[in-house]
């Protein structure tokens, strides 16, 4: 590569490698080889592999929670953000989500990152439901059910089939709104 790599370039590659090959593949040498550069470029941006791992987890939170929430909040007036969220979640291959959660079973920092993102997502789901008129206690319970459904899909072999996905989404929305 002739242009200088940014920390973001390394982090974006790190998320791709994590999703494809798991956390054990997040090694400076392997990543540098993939980028076609020396390890020096990696160490220019990160003090060590632990600092890179911490940055990867922070980047994952940005991509997998904060950007998703920002996209939903920026949606068109009159659009149903909960329907958009469920459609998005149940239409994607969730390999990155699964990889980070697998990592969390071995690493305390990854576990803390997963717990933080779970709390952020649950809080946001509760807020979404309350905006539609669901009482706070019911919103908390329904958000948890929706989130457990998301986690179940994450660890299933494939997303719901196209021919039944809309029926599943419609039923989840009906249950969520009571």
Protein backbone atom coordinates (compact mmCIF):
# COMPACT_ATOMS: atom_id res chain seq x y z
CA UNK A 1 0.00 0.00 0.00
CA UNK A 2 1.37 3.37 -0.92
CA UNK A 3 -0.91 5.50 1.27
CA UNK A 4 -0.51 5.74 5.02
CA UNK A 5 -2.91 3.60 6.98
CA UNK A 6 -5.02 5.11 9.74
CA UNK A 7 -6.00 3.50 13.01
CA UNK A 8 -9.52 3.25 11.54
CA UNK A 9 -8.16 1.17 8.63
CA UNK A 10 -6.67 -1.28 11.12
CA UNK A 11 -9.86 -1.36 13.18
CA UNK A 12 -12.09 -1.93 10.15
CA UNK A 13 -9.85 -4.79 9.06
CA UNK A 14 -9.83 -6.10 12.62
CA UNK A 15 -13.64 -6.31 12.67
CA UNK A 16 -13.64 -8.17 9.33
CA UNK A 17 -10.99 -10.62 10.54
CA UNK A 18 -12.80 -11.07 13.85
CA UNK A 19 -16.08 -11.85 12.08
CA UNK A 20 -14.44 -14.27 9.66
CA UNK A 21 -11.76 -15.97 11.77
CA UNK A 22 -12.45 -15.17 15.42
CA UNK A 23 -10.53 -13.29 18.09
CA UNK A 24 -7.48 -15.56 17.93
CA UNK A 25 -6.76 -14.18 14.46
CA UNK A 26 -6.33 -10.62 15.77
CA UNK A 27 -2.52 -10.68 15.62
CA UNK A 28 -0.31 -7.82 14.42
CA UNK A 29 1.75 -9.98 12.04
CA UNK A 30 -1.27 -11.56 10.37
CA UNK A 31 -3.12 -8.26 10.03
CA UNK A 32 -0.04 -6.49 8.63
CA UNK A 33 0.43 -9.25 6.07
CA UNK A 34 -3.22 -8.91 5.03
CA UNK A 35 -2.72 -5.15 4.63
CA UNK A 36 0.53 -5.65 2.72
CA UNK A 37 2.58 -3.60 5.19
CA UNK A 38 5.08 -4.18 7.97
CA UNK A 39 4.10 -4.58 11.62
CA UNK A 40 5.62 -1.13 12.19
CA UNK A 41 2.50 0.41 10.69
CA UNK A 42 0.39 -1.46 13.23
CA UNK A 43 2.58 -0.36 16.13
CA UNK A 44 2.50 3.22 14.92
CA UNK A 45 -1.18 3.29 15.92
CA UNK A 46 -1.34 0.79 18.80
CA UNK A 47 1.12 0.36 21.68
CA UNK A 48 0.58 -3.38 21.73
CA UNK A 49 -1.95 -6.06 20.86
CA UNK A 50 -3.89 -5.42 24.09
CA UNK A 51 -4.37 -1.77 23.09
CA UNK A 52 -5.55 -2.93 19.67
CA UNK A 53 -8.01 -5.36 21.26
CA UNK A 54 -9.38 -2.56 23.47
CA UNK A 55 -9.75 -0.32 20.41
CA UNK A 56 -11.47 -3.13 18.47
CA UNK A 57 -14.05 -3.56 21.22
CA UNK A 58 -14.68 0.19 21.33
CA UNK A 59 -14.99 0.27 17.51
CA UNK A 60 -17.41 -2.67 17.62
CA UNK A 61 -19.62 -0.77 20.06
CA UNK A 62 -19.60 2.23 17.72
CA UNK A 63 -20.49 0.14 14.67
CA UNK A 64 -22.87 -2.34 16.28
CA UNK A 65 -24.77 -0.04 18.62
CA UNK A 66 -24.14 3.68 18.29
CA UNK A 67 -24.26 3.84 14.48
CA UNK A 68 -27.35 1.64 14.39
CA UNK A 69 -29.09 3.86 16.94
CA UNK A 70 -28.05 7.01 15.08
CA UNK A 71 -29.41 5.57 11.82
CA UNK A 72 -32.71 4.73 13.48
CA UNK A 73 -32.98 8.16 15.07
CA UNK A 74 -32.26 9.84 11.73
CA UNK A 75 -35.03 7.91 9.97
CA UNK A 76 -37.84 9.51 8.07
CA UNK A 77 -40.75 10.96 10.03
CA UNK A 78 -43.58 8.47 10.12
CA UNK A 79 -41.29 5.48 9.73
CA UNK A 80 -41.48 2.84 12.41
CA UNK A 81 -37.98 2.63 13.94
CA UNK A 82 -38.74 -0.62 15.77
CA UNK A 83 -39.88 -2.26 12.53
CA UNK A 84 -36.75 -0.96 10.79
CA UNK A 85 -34.54 -2.29 13.58
CA UNK A 86 -36.13 -5.74 13.59
CA UNK A 87 -36.01 -5.96 9.80
CA UNK A 88 -32.33 -5.04 9.86
CA UNK A 89 -31.41 -7.46 12.63
CA UNK A 90 -33.31 -10.42 11.23
CA UNK A 91 -32.00 -9.88 7.71
CA UNK A 92 -28.27 -9.80 8.49
CA UNK A 93 -25.69 -12.48 8.99
CA UNK A 94 -24.59 -11.79 12.53
CA UNK A 95 -21.11 -13.28 12.32
CA UNK A 96 -19.40 -10.30 13.99
CA UNK A 97 -21.87 -10.36 16.88
CA UNK A 98 -21.30 -14.08 17.33
CA UNK A 99 -17.50 -13.67 17.17
CA UNK A 100 -17.41 -10.94 19.82
CA UNK A 101 -19.67 -12.94 22.12
CA UNK A 102 -17.44 -15.98 21.65
CA UNK A 103 -14.42 -13.83 22.51
CA UNK A 104 -16.25 -12.64 25.64
CA UNK A 105 -16.40 -16.19 26.94
CA UNK A 106 -12.57 -16.16 27.15
CA UNK A 107 -11.67 -12.54 27.89
CA UNK A 108 -12.83 -10.25 30.69
CA UNK A 109 -12.43 -7.05 28.65
CA UNK A 110 -14.53 -8.50 25.82
CA UNK A 111 -17.08 -9.69 28.38
CA UNK A 112 -17.31 -6.18 29.83
CA UNK A 113 -17.76 -4.74 26.32
CA UNK A 114 -20.56 -7.20 25.57
CA UNK A 115 -22.28 -6.41 28.87
CA UNK A 116 -22.04 -2.68 28.14
CA UNK A 117 -23.46 -3.01 24.64
CA UNK A 118 -26.24 -5.28 25.90
CA UNK A 119 -27.23 -2.65 28.45
CA UNK A 120 -27.08 0.13 25.83
CA UNK A 121 -29.22 -1.81 23.39
CA UNK A 122 -31.75 -2.85 26.03
CA UNK A 123 -32.07 0.73 27.27
CA UNK A 124 -32.62 1.91 23.71
CA UNK A 125 -35.23 -0.77 23.03
CA UNK A 126 -37.07 0.20 26.22
CA UNK A 127 -37.02 3.84 25.12
CA UNK A 128 -38.33 2.92 21.67
CA UNK A 129 -41.20 0.96 23.17
CA UNK A 130 -42.06 3.70 25.66
CA UNK A 131 -42.21 6.21 22.78
CA UNK A 132 -44.98 4.08 21.27
CA UNK A 133 -46.99 4.22 24.49
CA UNK A 134 -45.86 1.02 26.20
CA UNK A 135 -45.74 1.42 29.99
CA UNK A 136 -42.18 1.42 31.45
CA UNK A 137 -42.44 -1.95 33.23
CA UNK A 138 -43.94 -3.60 30.15
CA UNK A 139 -41.34 -1.91 27.95
CA UNK A 140 -38.54 -3.37 30.05
CA UNK A 141 -39.96 -6.90 29.83
CA UNK A 142 -40.73 -6.68 26.11
CA UNK A 143 -37.31 -5.21 25.34
CA UNK A 144 -35.72 -8.16 27.13
CA UNK A 145 -37.82 -10.63 25.12
CA UNK A 146 -36.91 -8.91 21.85
CA UNK A 147 -33.24 -8.92 22.82
CA UNK A 148 -33.27 -12.59 23.77
CA UNK A 149 -34.85 -13.26 20.37
CA UNK A 150 -32.02 -11.34 18.72
CA UNK A 151 -29.45 -13.38 20.64
CA UNK A 152 -31.18 -16.59 19.62
CA UNK A 153 -31.00 -15.58 15.97
CA UNK A 154 -27.35 -14.60 16.45
CA UNK A 155 -26.44 -18.12 17.48
CA UNK A 156 -28.66 -19.95 15.02
CA UNK A 157 -27.06 -21.30 11.86
CA UNK A 158 -28.84 -18.90 9.55
CA UNK A 159 -31.28 -16.00 9.62
CA UNK A 160 -35.00 -16.73 9.33
CA UNK A 161 -35.93 -17.83 5.80
CA UNK A 162 -37.11 -15.10 3.45
CA UNK A 163 -40.54 -16.66 2.98
CA UNK A 164 -41.37 -16.54 6.69
CA UNK A 165 -39.32 -13.55 7.85
CA UNK A 166 -42.08 -10.96 7.44
CA UNK A 167 -44.57 -13.07 9.40
CA UNK A 168 -41.97 -13.41 12.19
CA UNK A 169 -41.34 -9.65 12.19
CA UNK A 170 -45.06 -8.86 12.23
CA UNK A 171 -45.59 -11.18 15.20
CA UNK A 172 -42.62 -9.73 17.11
CA UNK A 173 -43.97 -6.21 16.54
CA UNK A 174 -47.44 -7.28 17.69
CA UNK A 175 -46.00 -8.85 20.85
CA UNK A 176 -43.76 -5.87 21.55
CA UNK A 177 -46.60 -3.39 21.33
CA UNK A 178 -49.10 -5.52 23.21
